[in-house]
Amino acid sequence: LMGYVKRTADDSNVVLTVVNLDHRRVRSGWMRFPLEQF
Protein backbone atom coordinates (compact mmCIF):
# COMPACT_ATOMS: atom_id res chain seq x y z
CA LEU A 1 0.00 0.00 0.00
CA MET A 2 1.40 3.37 -1.07
CA GLY A 3 -0.08 6.75 -0.17
CA TYR A 4 0.75 10.33 -1.06
CA VAL A 5 -0.65 13.81 -0.58
CA LYS A 6 -0.83 16.67 -3.06
CA ARG A 7 -1.85 20.15 -1.95
CA THR A 8 -2.23 23.64 -3.37
CA ALA A 9 -0.06 26.42 -1.97
CA ASP A 10 -2.95 27.81 0.10
CA ASP A 11 -4.21 24.34 1.14
CA SER A 12 -7.59 25.07 -0.42
CA ASN A 13 -7.36 21.74 -2.21
CA VAL A 14 -5.76 18.67 -0.63
CA VAL A 15 -5.86 15.25 -2.31
CA LEU A 16 -4.75 11.96 -0.77
CA THR A 17 -4.17 8.97 -3.07
CA VAL A 18 -3.80 5.43 -1.73
CA VAL A 19 -2.91 2.62 -4.16
CA ASN A 20 -2.73 -1.16 -3.71
CA LEU A 21 0.25 -2.16 -5.87
CA ASP A 22 -0.71 -5.85 -5.58
CA HIS A 23 -3.15 -6.76 -8.36
CA ARG A 24 -3.80 -10.22 -6.87
CA ARG A 25 -4.82 -9.70 -3.24
CA VAL A 26 -6.83 -7.50 -0.91
CA ARG A 27 -4.41 -5.42 1.16
CA SER A 28 -5.13 -3.41 4.30
CA GLY A 29 -3.17 -1.33 6.76
CA TRP A 30 -3.03 1.70 9.02
CA MET A 31 -2.18 4.98 7.37
CA ARG A 32 -0.80 8.05 9.13
CA PHE A 33 -2.03 11.34 7.66
CA PRO A 34 0.49 14.15 8.38
CA LEU A 35 -1.82 16.56 10.19
CA GLU A 36 1.15 18.47 11.60
CA GLN A 37 2.01 19.67 8.07
CA PHE A 38 -1.27 21.57 8.12
PDB file of all heavy atoms in Angstrom:
ATOM      1  N   LEU A   1       0.844  -1.197   0.000  1.00  0.00           N
ATOM      2  CA  LEU A   1       0.000   0.000   0.000  1.00  0.00           C
ATOM      3  C   LEU A   1       0.880   1.247   0.000  1.00  0.00           C
ATOM      4  O   LEU A   1       1.758   1.400   0.840  1.00  0.00           O
ATOM      5  CB  LEU A   1      -0.922   0.019   1.219  1.00  0.00           C
ATOM      6  CG  LEU A   1      -2.021  -1.051   1.273  1.00  0.00           C
ATOM      7  CD1 LEU A   1      -2.878  -0.861   2.514  1.00  0.00           C
ATOM      8  CD2 LEU A   1      -2.890  -1.010   0.016  1.00  0.00           C
ATOM      9  N   MET A   2       0.630   2.128  -0.946  1.00  0.00           N
ATOM     10  CA  MET A   2       1.398   3.365  -1.070  1.00  0.00           C
ATOM     11  C   MET A   2       0.438   4.543  -1.043  1.00  0.00           C
ATOM     12  O   MET A   2      -0.602   4.536  -1.730  1.00  0.00           O
ATOM     13  CB  MET A   2       2.211   3.377  -2.365  1.00  0.00           C
ATOM     14  CG  MET A   2       3.127   4.591  -2.503  1.00  0.00           C
ATOM     15  SD  MET A   2       4.246   4.477  -3.932  1.00  0.00           S
ATOM     16  CE  MET A   2       3.109   4.871  -5.253  1.00  0.00           C
ATOM     17  N   GLY A   3       0.762   5.567  -0.263  1.00  0.00           N
ATOM     18  CA  GLY A   3      -0.083   6.749  -0.171  1.00  0.00           C
ATOM     19  C   GLY A   3       0.720   8.026  -0.328  1.00  0.00           C
ATOM     20  O   GLY A   3       1.890   8.090   0.043  1.00  0.00           O
ATOM     21  N   TYR A   4       0.081   9.051  -0.879  1.00  0.00           N
ATOM     22  CA  TYR A   4       0.753  10.333  -1.060  1.00  0.00           C
ATOM     23  C   TYR A   4      -0.273  11.458  -1.122  1.00  0.00           C
ATOM     24  O   TYR A   4      -1.418  11.285  -1.525  1.00  0.00           O
ATOM     25  CB  TYR A   4       1.632  10.339  -2.313  1.00  0.00           C
ATOM     26  CG  TYR A   4       1.037   9.670  -3.533  1.00  0.00           C
ATOM     27  CD1 TYR A   4       0.378  10.400  -4.519  1.00  0.00           C
ATOM     28  CD2 TYR A   4       1.148   8.291  -3.709  1.00  0.00           C
ATOM     29  CE1 TYR A   4      -0.155   9.781  -5.643  1.00  0.00           C
ATOM     30  CE2 TYR A   4       0.624   7.658  -4.830  1.00  0.00           C
ATOM     31  CZ  TYR A   4      -0.036   8.408  -5.784  1.00  0.00           C
ATOM     32  OH  TYR A   4      -0.562   7.793  -6.891  1.00  0.00           O
ATOM     33  N   VAL A   5       0.184  12.617  -0.665  1.00  0.00           N
ATOM     34  CA  VAL A   5      -0.651  13.809  -0.580  1.00  0.00           C
ATOM     35  C   VAL A   5      -0.165  14.834  -1.589  1.00  0.00           C
ATOM     36  O   VAL A   5       1.038  15.043  -1.754  1.00  0.00           O
ATOM     37  CB  VAL A   5      -0.601  14.418   0.837  1.00  0.00           C
ATOM     38  CG1 VAL A   5      -1.401  15.720   0.900  1.00  0.00           C
ATOM     39  CG2 VAL A   5      -1.121  13.427   1.866  1.00  0.00           C
ATOM     40  N   LYS A   6      -1.127  15.489  -2.252  1.00  0.00           N
ATOM     41  CA  LYS A   6      -0.832  16.670  -3.061  1.00  0.00           C
ATOM     42  C   LYS A   6      -1.714  17.806  -2.559  1.00  0.00           C
ATOM     43  O   LYS A   6      -2.880  17.596  -2.228  1.00  0.00           O
ATOM     44  CB  LYS A   6      -1.074  16.403  -4.543  1.00  0.00           C
ATOM     45  CG  LYS A   6      -0.013  15.518  -5.180  1.00  0.00           C
ATOM     46  CD  LYS A   6      -0.080  15.583  -6.692  1.00  0.00           C
ATOM     47  CE  LYS A   6       1.138  14.914  -7.329  1.00  0.00           C
ATOM     48  NZ  LYS A   6       1.145  15.089  -8.792  1.00  0.00           N
ATOM     49  N   ARG A   7      -1.140  19.017  -2.530  1.00  0.00           N
ATOM     50  CA  ARG A   7      -1.852  20.154  -1.955  1.00  0.00           C
ATOM     51  C   ARG A   7      -1.520  21.417  -2.726  1.00  0.00           C
ATOM     52  O   ARG A   7      -0.420  21.573  -3.255  1.00  0.00           O
ATOM     53  CB  ARG A   7      -1.460  20.318  -0.486  1.00  0.00           C
ATOM     54  CG  ARG A   7       0.019  20.464  -0.295  1.00  0.00           C
ATOM     55  CD  ARG A   7       0.489  20.167   1.108  1.00  0.00           C
ATOM     56  NE  ARG A   7       0.187  21.243   2.041  1.00  0.00           N
ATOM     57  CZ  ARG A   7       0.763  21.345   3.230  1.00  0.00           C
ATOM     58  NH1 ARG A   7       1.650  20.429   3.636  1.00  0.00           N
ATOM     59  NH2 ARG A   7       0.459  22.331   4.040  1.00  0.00           N
ATOM     60  N   THR A   8      -2.494  22.334  -2.794  1.00  0.00           N
ATOM     61  CA  THR A   8      -2.228  23.642  -3.369  1.00  0.00           C
ATOM     62  C   THR A   8      -1.462  24.484  -2.364  1.00  0.00           C
ATOM     63  O   THR A   8      -1.409  24.175  -1.175  1.00  0.00           O
ATOM     64  CB  THR A   8      -3.538  24.344  -3.761  1.00  0.00           C
ATOM     65  OG1 THR A   8      -4.405  24.379  -2.618  1.00  0.00           O
ATOM     66  CG2 THR A   8      -4.236  23.610  -4.898  1.00  0.00           C
ATOM     67  N   ALA A   9      -0.889  25.585  -2.826  1.00  0.00           N
ATOM     68  CA  ALA A   9      -0.057  26.418  -1.967  1.00  0.00           C
ATOM     69  C   ALA A   9      -0.834  26.969  -0.782  1.00  0.00           C
ATOM     70  O   ALA A   9      -0.288  27.134   0.314  1.00  0.00           O
ATOM     71  CB  ALA A   9       0.549  27.561  -2.781  1.00  0.00           C
ATOM     72  N   ASP A  10      -2.131  27.257  -0.981  1.00  0.00           N
ATOM     73  CA  ASP A  10      -2.948  27.805   0.104  1.00  0.00           C
ATOM     74  C   ASP A  10      -3.754  26.742   0.841  1.00  0.00           C
ATOM     75  O   ASP A  10      -4.597  27.072   1.694  1.00  0.00           O
ATOM     76  CB  ASP A  10      -3.888  28.887  -0.433  1.00  0.00           C
ATOM     77  CG  ASP A  10      -4.849  28.354  -1.500  1.00  0.00           C
ATOM     78  OD1 ASP A  10      -4.779  27.139  -1.825  1.00  0.00           O
ATOM     79  OD2 ASP A  10      -5.651  29.146  -2.010  1.00  0.00           O
ATOM     80  N   ASP A  11      -3.520  25.468   0.518  1.00  0.00           N
ATOM     81  CA  ASP A  11      -4.214  24.336   1.145  1.00  0.00           C
ATOM     82  C   ASP A  11      -5.726  24.357   0.920  1.00  0.00           C
ATOM     83  O   ASP A  11      -6.478  23.705   1.652  1.00  0.00           O
ATOM     84  CB  ASP A  11      -3.923  24.275   2.651  1.00  0.00           C
ATOM     85  CG  ASP A  11      -2.501  23.829   2.939  1.00  0.00           C
ATOM     86  OD1 ASP A  11      -1.900  23.177   2.063  1.00  0.00           O
ATOM     87  OD2 ASP A  11      -1.988  24.144   4.025  1.00  0.00           O
ATOM     88  N   SER A  12      -6.164  25.080  -0.107  1.00  0.00           N
ATOM     89  CA  SER A  12      -7.595  25.070  -0.416  1.00  0.00           C
ATOM     90  C   SER A  12      -8.023  23.770  -1.077  1.00  0.00           C
ATOM     91  O   SER A  12      -9.215  23.444  -1.110  1.00  0.00           O
ATOM     92  CB  SER A  12      -7.945  26.249  -1.329  1.00  0.00           C
ATOM     93  OG  SER A  12      -7.225  26.168  -2.552  1.00  0.00           O
ATOM     94  N   ASN A  13      -7.067  23.031  -1.608  1.00  0.00           N
ATOM     95  CA  ASN A  13      -7.365  21.741  -2.214  1.00  0.00           C
ATOM     96  C   ASN A  13      -6.277  20.751  -1.798  1.00  0.00           C
ATOM     97  O   ASN A  13      -5.090  20.966  -2.059  1.00  0.00           O
ATOM     98  CB  ASN A  13      -7.425  21.853  -3.738  1.00  0.00           C
ATOM     99  CG  ASN A  13      -7.839  20.555  -4.418  1.00  0.00           C
ATOM    100  OD1 ASN A  13      -7.153  20.043  -5.291  1.00  0.00           O
ATOM    101  ND2 ASN A  13      -8.981  20.002  -4.053  1.00  0.00           N
ATOM    102  N   VAL A  14      -6.684  19.694  -1.115  1.00  0.00           N
ATOM    103  CA  VAL A  14      -5.764  18.666  -0.633  1.00  0.00           C
ATOM    104  C   VAL A  14      -6.296  17.312  -1.099  1.00  0.00           C
ATOM    105  O   VAL A  14      -7.457  16.982  -0.861  1.00  0.00           O
ATOM    106  CB  VAL A  14      -5.648  18.689   0.902  1.00  0.00           C
ATOM    107  CG1 VAL A  14      -4.691  17.601   1.376  1.00  0.00           C
ATOM    108  CG2 VAL A  14      -5.193  20.058   1.387  1.00  0.00           C
ATOM    109  N   VAL A  15      -5.457  16.552  -1.766  1.00  0.00           N
ATOM    110  CA  VAL A  15      -5.860  15.251  -2.308  1.00  0.00           C
ATOM    111  C   VAL A  15      -4.913  14.181  -1.780  1.00  0.00           C
ATOM    112  O   VAL A  15      -3.687  14.318  -1.853  1.00  0.00           O
ATOM    113  CB  VAL A  15      -5.855  15.264  -3.850  1.00  0.00           C
ATOM    114  CG1 VAL A  15      -6.205  13.880  -4.398  1.00  0.00           C
ATOM    115  CG2 VAL A  15      -6.836  16.305  -4.381  1.00  0.00           C
ATOM    116  N   LEU A  16      -5.493  13.115  -1.267  1.00  0.00           N
ATOM    117  CA  LEU A  16      -4.750  11.959  -0.768  1.00  0.00           C
ATOM    118  C   LEU A  16      -5.051  10.759  -1.659  1.00  0.00           C
ATOM    119  O   LEU A  16      -6.215  10.392  -1.833  1.00  0.00           O
ATOM    120  CB  LEU A  16      -5.153  11.653   0.675  1.00  0.00           C
ATOM    121  CG  LEU A  16      -4.741  10.293   1.247  1.00  0.00           C
ATOM    122  CD1 LEU A  16      -3.225  10.207   1.383  1.00  0.00           C
ATOM    123  CD2 LEU A  16      -5.424  10.037   2.594  1.00  0.00           C
ATOM    124  N   THR A  17      -4.017  10.169  -2.237  1.00  0.00           N
ATOM    125  CA  THR A  17      -4.166   8.975  -3.071  1.00  0.00           C
ATOM    126  C   THR A  17      -3.558   7.781  -2.348  1.00  0.00           C
ATOM    127  O   THR A  17      -2.442   7.875  -1.821  1.00  0.00           O
ATOM    128  CB  THR A  17      -3.481   9.162  -4.432  1.00  0.00           C
ATOM    129  OG1 THR A  17      -4.016  10.312  -5.085  1.00  0.00           O
ATOM    130  CG2 THR A  17      -3.691   7.945  -5.323  1.00  0.00           C
ATOM    131  N   VAL A  18      -4.293   6.673  -2.314  1.00  0.00           N
ATOM    132  CA  VAL A  18      -3.802   5.426  -1.734  1.00  0.00           C
ATOM    133  C   VAL A  18      -3.966   4.338  -2.788  1.00  0.00           C
ATOM    134  O   VAL A  18      -5.064   4.166  -3.329  1.00  0.00           O
ATOM    135  CB  VAL A  18      -4.560   5.041  -0.448  1.00  0.00           C
ATOM    136  CG1 VAL A  18      -3.928   3.812   0.186  1.00  0.00           C
ATOM    137  CG2 VAL A  18      -4.602   6.198   0.537  1.00  0.00           C
ATOM    138  N   VAL A  19      -2.893   3.622  -3.087  1.00  0.00           N
ATOM    139  CA  VAL A  19      -2.913   2.617  -4.155  1.00  0.00           C
ATOM    140  C   VAL A  19      -2.444   1.277  -3.615  1.00  0.00           C
ATOM    141  O   VAL A  19      -1.440   1.205  -2.890  1.00  0.00           O
ATOM    142  CB  VAL A  19      -2.005   3.043  -5.335  1.00  0.00           C
ATOM    143  CG1 VAL A  19      -2.133   2.048  -6.492  1.00  0.00           C
ATOM    144  CG2 VAL A  19      -2.350   4.446  -5.802  1.00  0.00           C
ATOM    145  N   ASN A  20      -3.159   0.211  -3.972  1.00  0.00           N
ATOM    146  CA  ASN A  20      -2.726  -1.155  -3.713  1.00  0.00           C
ATOM    147  C   ASN A  20      -1.915  -1.616  -4.922  1.00  0.00           C
ATOM    148  O   ASN A  20      -2.463  -1.793  -6.013  1.00  0.00           O
ATOM    149  CB  ASN A  20      -3.935  -2.065  -3.488  1.00  0.00           C
ATOM    150  CG  ASN A  20      -3.538  -3.509  -3.201  1.00  0.00           C
ATOM    151  OD1 ASN A  20      -2.366  -3.848  -3.150  1.00  0.00           O
ATOM    152  ND2 ASN A  20      -4.535  -4.370  -3.018  1.00  0.00           N
ATOM    153  N   LEU A  21      -0.625  -1.772  -4.757  1.00  0.00           N
ATOM    154  CA  LEU A  21       0.247  -2.162  -5.865  1.00  0.00           C
ATOM    155  C   LEU A  21       0.143  -3.644  -6.204  1.00  0.00           C
ATOM    156  O   LEU A  21       0.687  -4.083  -7.222  1.00  0.00           O
ATOM    157  CB  LEU A  21       1.699  -1.809  -5.537  1.00  0.00           C
ATOM    158  CG  LEU A  21       1.975  -0.323  -5.239  1.00  0.00           C
ATOM    159  CD1 LEU A  21       3.446  -0.127  -4.866  1.00  0.00           C
ATOM    160  CD2 LEU A  21       1.609   0.547  -6.424  1.00  0.00           C
ATOM    161  N   ASP A  22      -0.542  -4.411  -5.366  1.00  0.00           N
ATOM    162  CA  ASP A  22      -0.712  -5.853  -5.576  1.00  0.00           C
ATOM    163  C   ASP A  22      -2.029  -6.090  -6.307  1.00  0.00           C
ATOM    164  O   ASP A  22      -3.103  -5.881  -5.761  1.00  0.00           O
ATOM    165  CB  ASP A  22      -0.710  -6.570  -4.226  1.00  0.00           C
ATOM    166  CG  ASP A  22      -0.729  -8.092  -4.365  1.00  0.00           C
ATOM    167  OD1 ASP A  22      -0.866  -8.594  -5.506  1.00  0.00           O
ATOM    168  OD2 ASP A  22      -0.624  -8.774  -3.323  1.00  0.00           O
ATOM    169  N   HIS A  23      -1.946  -6.547  -7.564  1.00  0.00           N
ATOM    170  CA  HIS A  23      -3.154  -6.759  -8.360  1.00  0.00           C
ATOM    171  C   HIS A  23      -3.859  -8.064  -8.013  1.00  0.00           C
ATOM    172  O   HIS A  23      -4.955  -8.327  -8.516  1.00  0.00           O
ATOM    173  CB  HIS A  23      -2.805  -6.763  -9.850  1.00  0.00           C
ATOM    174  CG  HIS A  23      -1.878  -7.879 -10.250  1.00  0.00           C
ATOM    175  ND1 HIS A  23      -0.508  -7.792 -10.092  1.00  0.00           N
ATOM    176  CD2 HIS A  23      -2.125  -9.102 -10.792  1.00  0.00           C
ATOM    177  CE1 HIS A  23       0.051  -8.902 -10.529  1.00  0.00           C
ATOM    178  NE2 HIS A  23      -0.904  -9.724 -10.959  1.00  0.00           N
ATOM    179  N   ARG A  24      -3.261  -8.885  -7.133  1.00  0.00           N
ATOM    180  CA  ARG A  24      -3.802 -10.221  -6.866  1.00  0.00           C
ATOM    181  C   ARG A  24      -4.603 -10.311  -5.576  1.00  0.00           C
ATOM    182  O   ARG A  24      -5.524 -11.125  -5.481  1.00  0.00           O
ATOM    183  CB  ARG A  24      -2.649 -11.234  -6.788  1.00  0.00           C
ATOM    184  CG  ARG A  24      -1.847 -11.376  -8.076  1.00  0.00           C
ATOM    185  CD  ARG A  24      -0.461 -11.925  -7.817  1.00  0.00           C
ATOM    186  NE  ARG A  24       0.317 -10.990  -6.975  1.00  0.00           N
ATOM    187  CZ  ARG A  24       1.608 -11.121  -6.732  1.00  0.00           C
ATOM    188  NH1 ARG A  24       2.282 -12.121  -7.259  1.00  0.00           N
ATOM    189  NH2 ARG A  24       2.235 -10.253  -5.964  1.00  0.00           N
ATOM    190  N   ARG A  25      -4.252  -9.484  -4.570  1.00  0.00           N
ATOM    191  CA  ARG A  25      -4.816  -9.698  -3.240  1.00  0.00           C
ATOM    192  C   ARG A  25      -5.347  -8.412  -2.623  1.00  0.00           C
ATOM    193  O   ARG A  25      -4.844  -7.319  -2.900  1.00  0.00           O
ATOM    194  CB  ARG A  25      -3.740 -10.256  -2.293  1.00  0.00           C
ATOM    195  CG  ARG A  25      -3.271 -11.660  -2.621  1.00  0.00           C
ATOM    196  CD  ARG A  25      -2.189 -12.103  -1.638  1.00  0.00           C
ATOM    197  NE  ARG A  25      -2.631 -11.955  -0.247  1.00  0.00           N
ATOM    198  CZ  ARG A  25      -1.843 -12.116   0.807  1.00  0.00           C
ATOM    199  NH1 ARG A  25      -0.566 -12.412   0.621  1.00  0.00           N
ATOM    200  NH2 ARG A  25      -2.327 -11.979   2.024  1.00  0.00           N
ATOM    201  N   VAL A  26      -6.367  -8.592  -1.753  1.00  0.00           N
ATOM    202  CA  VAL A  26      -6.834  -7.497  -0.911  1.00  0.00           C
ATOM    203  C   VAL A  26      -5.727  -7.154   0.079  1.00  0.00           C
ATOM    204  O   VAL A  26      -5.130  -8.044   0.691  1.00  0.00           O
ATOM    205  CB  VAL A  26      -8.126  -7.887  -0.152  1.00  0.00           C
ATOM    206  CG1 VAL A  26      -8.547  -6.764   0.788  1.00  0.00           C
ATOM    207  CG2 VAL A  26      -9.245  -8.239  -1.129  1.00  0.00           C
ATOM    208  N   ARG A  27      -5.443  -5.868   0.221  1.00  0.00           N
ATOM    209  CA  ARG A  27      -4.414  -5.416   1.159  1.00  0.00           C
ATOM    210  C   ARG A  27      -5.000  -4.340   2.063  1.00  0.00           C
ATOM    211  O   ARG A  27      -5.767  -3.486   1.616  1.00  0.00           O
ATOM    212  CB  ARG A  27      -3.204  -4.850   0.416  1.00  0.00           C
ATOM    213  CG  ARG A  27      -2.466  -5.864  -0.456  1.00  0.00           C
ATOM    214  CD  ARG A  27      -1.665  -6.846   0.376  1.00  0.00           C
ATOM    215  NE  ARG A  27      -0.937  -7.795  -0.474  1.00  0.00           N
ATOM    216  CZ  ARG A  27      -0.089  -8.694  -0.021  1.00  0.00           C
ATOM    217  NH1 ARG A  27       0.147  -8.782   1.285  1.00  0.00           N
ATOM    218  NH2 ARG A  27       0.517  -9.520  -0.848  1.00  0.00           N
ATOM    219  N   SER A  28      -4.636  -4.380   3.330  1.00  0.00           N
ATOM    220  CA  SER A  28      -5.134  -3.409   4.295  1.00  0.00           C
ATOM    221  C   SER A  28      -3.999  -2.969   5.199  1.00  0.00           C
ATOM    222  O   SER A  28      -2.969  -3.653   5.318  1.00  0.00           O
ATOM    223  CB  SER A  28      -6.274  -4.000   5.125  1.00  0.00           C
ATOM    224  OG  SER A  28      -5.829  -5.135   5.854  1.00  0.00           O
ATOM    225  N   GLY A  29      -4.186  -1.840   5.859  1.00  0.00           N
ATOM    226  CA  GLY A  29      -3.168  -1.334   6.763  1.00  0.00           C
ATOM    227  C   GLY A  29      -3.624  -0.067   7.443  1.00  0.00           C
ATOM    228  O   GLY A  29      -4.725   0.443   7.202  1.00  0.00           O
ATOM    229  N   TRP A  30      -2.767   0.465   8.294  1.00  0.00           N
ATOM    230  CA  TRP A  30      -3.028   1.696   9.018  1.00  0.00           C
ATOM    231  C   TRP A  30      -2.168   2.806   8.434  1.00  0.00           C
ATOM    232  O   TRP A  30      -0.955   2.674   8.316  1.00  0.00           O
ATOM    233  CB  TRP A  30      -2.747   1.521  10.511  1.00  0.00           C
ATOM    234  CG  TRP A  30      -3.806   0.693  11.181  1.00  0.00           C
ATOM    235  CD1 TRP A  30      -3.842  -0.658  11.316  1.00  0.00           C
ATOM    236  CD2 TRP A  30      -5.002   1.196  11.763  1.00  0.00           C
ATOM    237  NE1 TRP A  30      -4.989  -1.052  11.949  1.00  0.00           N
ATOM    238  CE2 TRP A  30      -5.725   0.075  12.259  1.00  0.00           C
ATOM    239  CE3 TRP A  30      -5.546   2.474  11.951  1.00  0.00           C
ATOM    240  CZ2 TRP A  30      -6.955   0.201  12.896  1.00  0.00           C
ATOM    241  CZ3 TRP A  30      -6.771   2.605  12.593  1.00  0.00           C
ATOM    242  CH2 TRP A  30      -7.460   1.476  13.057  1.00  0.00           C
ATOM    243  N   MET A  31      -2.841   3.882   8.053  1.00  0.00           N
ATOM    244  CA  MET A  31      -2.180   4.983   7.373  1.00  0.00           C
ATOM    245  C   MET A  31      -2.130   6.203   8.290  1.00  0.00           C
ATOM    246  O   MET A  31      -3.128   6.564   8.914  1.00  0.00           O
ATOM    247  CB  MET A  31      -2.923   5.349   6.093  1.00  0.00           C
ATOM    248  CG  MET A  31      -2.261   6.466   5.287  1.00  0.00           C
ATOM    249  SD  MET A  31      -3.330   7.029   3.965  1.00  0.00           S
ATOM    250  CE  MET A  31      -4.642   7.771   4.946  1.00  0.00           C
ATOM    251  N   ARG A  32      -0.963   6.829   8.331  1.00  0.00           N
ATOM    252  CA  ARG A  32      -0.804   8.049   9.126  1.00  0.00           C
ATOM    253  C   ARG A  32      -0.886   9.267   8.219  1.00  0.00           C
ATOM    254  O   ARG A  32      -0.024   9.474   7.355  1.00  0.00           O
ATOM    255  CB  ARG A  32       0.529   8.054   9.877  1.00  0.00           C
ATOM    256  CG  ARG A  32       0.728   9.290  10.740  1.00  0.00           C
ATOM    257  CD  ARG A  32       2.117   9.324  11.367  1.00  0.00           C
ATOM    258  NE  ARG A  32       2.272  10.525  12.171  1.00  0.00           N
ATOM    259  CZ  ARG A  32       2.643  11.722  11.682  1.00  0.00           C
ATOM    260  NH1 ARG A  32       2.886  11.855  10.392  1.00  0.00           N
ATOM    261  NH2 ARG A  32       2.750  12.766  12.495  1.00  0.00           N
ATOM    262  N   PHE A  33      -1.912  10.098   8.429  1.00  0.00           N
ATOM    263  CA  PHE A  33      -2.034  11.336   7.664  1.00  0.00           C
ATOM    264  C   PHE A  33      -1.260  12.433   8.402  1.00  0.00           C
ATOM    265  O   PHE A  33      -1.443  12.637   9.605  1.00  0.00           O
ATOM    266  CB  PHE A  33      -3.500  11.746   7.512  1.00  0.00           C
ATOM    267  CG  PHE A  33      -3.694  12.906   6.586  1.00  0.00           C
ATOM    268  CD1 PHE A  33      -3.761  12.714   5.226  1.00  0.00           C
ATOM    269  CD2 PHE A  33      -3.773  14.200   7.086  1.00  0.00           C
ATOM    270  CE1 PHE A  33      -3.917  13.789   4.358  1.00  0.00           C
ATOM    271  CE2 PHE A  33      -3.923  15.280   6.239  1.00  0.00           C
ATOM    272  CZ  PHE A  33      -3.997  15.075   4.864  1.00  0.00           C
ATOM    273  N   PRO A  34      -0.407  13.184   7.708  1.00  0.00           N
ATOM    274  CA  PRO A  34       0.491  14.147   8.381  1.00  0.00           C
ATOM    275  C   PRO A  34      -0.216  15.443   8.760  1.00  0.00           C
ATOM    276  O   PRO A  34       0.017  16.507   8.170  1.00  0.00           O
ATOM    277  CB  PRO A  34       1.578  14.379   7.329  1.00  0.00           C
ATOM    278  CG  PRO A  34       0.870  14.202   6.019  1.00  0.00           C
ATOM    279  CD  PRO A  34      -0.148  13.118   6.244  1.00  0.00           C
ATOM    280  N   LEU A  35      -1.058  15.385   9.775  1.00  0.00           N
ATOM    281  CA  LEU A  35      -1.818  16.558  10.194  1.00  0.00           C
ATOM    282  C   LEU A  35      -0.919  17.718  10.605  1.00  0.00           C
ATOM    283  O   LEU A  35      -1.282  18.895  10.444  1.00  0.00           O
ATOM    284  CB  LEU A  35      -2.747  16.178  11.358  1.00  0.00           C
ATOM    285  CG  LEU A  35      -3.960  15.311  10.980  1.00  0.00           C
ATOM    286  CD1 LEU A  35      -4.612  14.737  12.238  1.00  0.00           C
ATOM    287  CD2 LEU A  35      -4.967  16.119  10.186  1.00  0.00           C
ATOM    288  N   GLU A  36       0.264  17.408  11.137  1.00  0.00           N
ATOM    289  CA  GLU A  36       1.152  18.472  11.601  1.00  0.00           C
ATOM    290  C   GLU A  36       1.609  19.370  10.455  1.00  0.00           C
ATOM    291  O   GLU A  36       1.921  20.552  10.661  1.00  0.00           O
ATOM    292  CB  GLU A  36       2.370  17.878  12.322  1.00  0.00           C
ATOM    293  CG  GLU A  36       3.386  17.170  11.439  1.00  0.00           C
ATOM    294  CD  GLU A  36       2.961  15.766  11.033  1.00  0.00           C
ATOM    295  OE1 GLU A  36       1.916  15.286  11.527  1.00  0.00           O
ATOM    296  OE2 GLU A  36       3.677  15.136  10.228  1.00  0.00           O
ATOM    297  N   GLN A  37       1.622  18.844   9.215  1.00  0.00           N
ATOM    298  CA  GLN A  37       2.010  19.670   8.072  1.00  0.00           C
ATOM    299  C   GLN A  37       0.994  20.759   7.789  1.00  0.00           C
ATOM    300  O   GLN A  37       1.284  21.742   7.103  1.00  0.00           O
ATOM    301  CB  GLN A  37       2.200  18.794   6.830  1.00  0.00           C
ATOM    302  CG  GLN A  37       3.367  17.834   6.904  1.00  0.00           C
ATOM    303  CD  GLN A  37       3.560  17.058   5.613  1.00  0.00           C
ATOM    304  OE1 GLN A  37       2.984  17.399   4.573  1.00  0.00           O
ATOM    305  NE2 GLN A  37       4.362  16.003   5.668  1.00  0.00           N
ATOM    306  N   PHE A  38      -0.206  20.598   8.328  1.00  0.00           N
ATOM    307  CA  PHE A  38      -1.273  21.570   8.123  1.00  0.00           C
ATOM    308  C   PHE A  38      -1.539  22.387   9.394  1.00  0.00           C
ATOM    309  O   PHE A  38      -2.561  23.071   9.499  1.00  0.00           O
ATOM    310  CB  PHE A  38      -2.547  20.853   7.678  1.00  0.00           C
ATOM    311  CG  PHE A  38      -2.379  20.091   6.393  1.00  0.00           C
ATOM    312  CD1 PHE A  38      -1.911  18.781   6.394  1.00  0.00           C
ATOM    313  CD2 PHE A  38      -2.650  20.685   5.175  1.00  0.00           C
ATOM    314  CE1 PHE A  38      -1.736  18.070   5.213  1.00  0.00           C
ATOM    315  CE2 PHE A  38      -2.477  19.988   3.985  1.00  0.00           C
ATOM    316  CZ  PHE A  38      -2.015  18.683   4.004  1.00  0.00           C
TER     317      PHE A  38
END
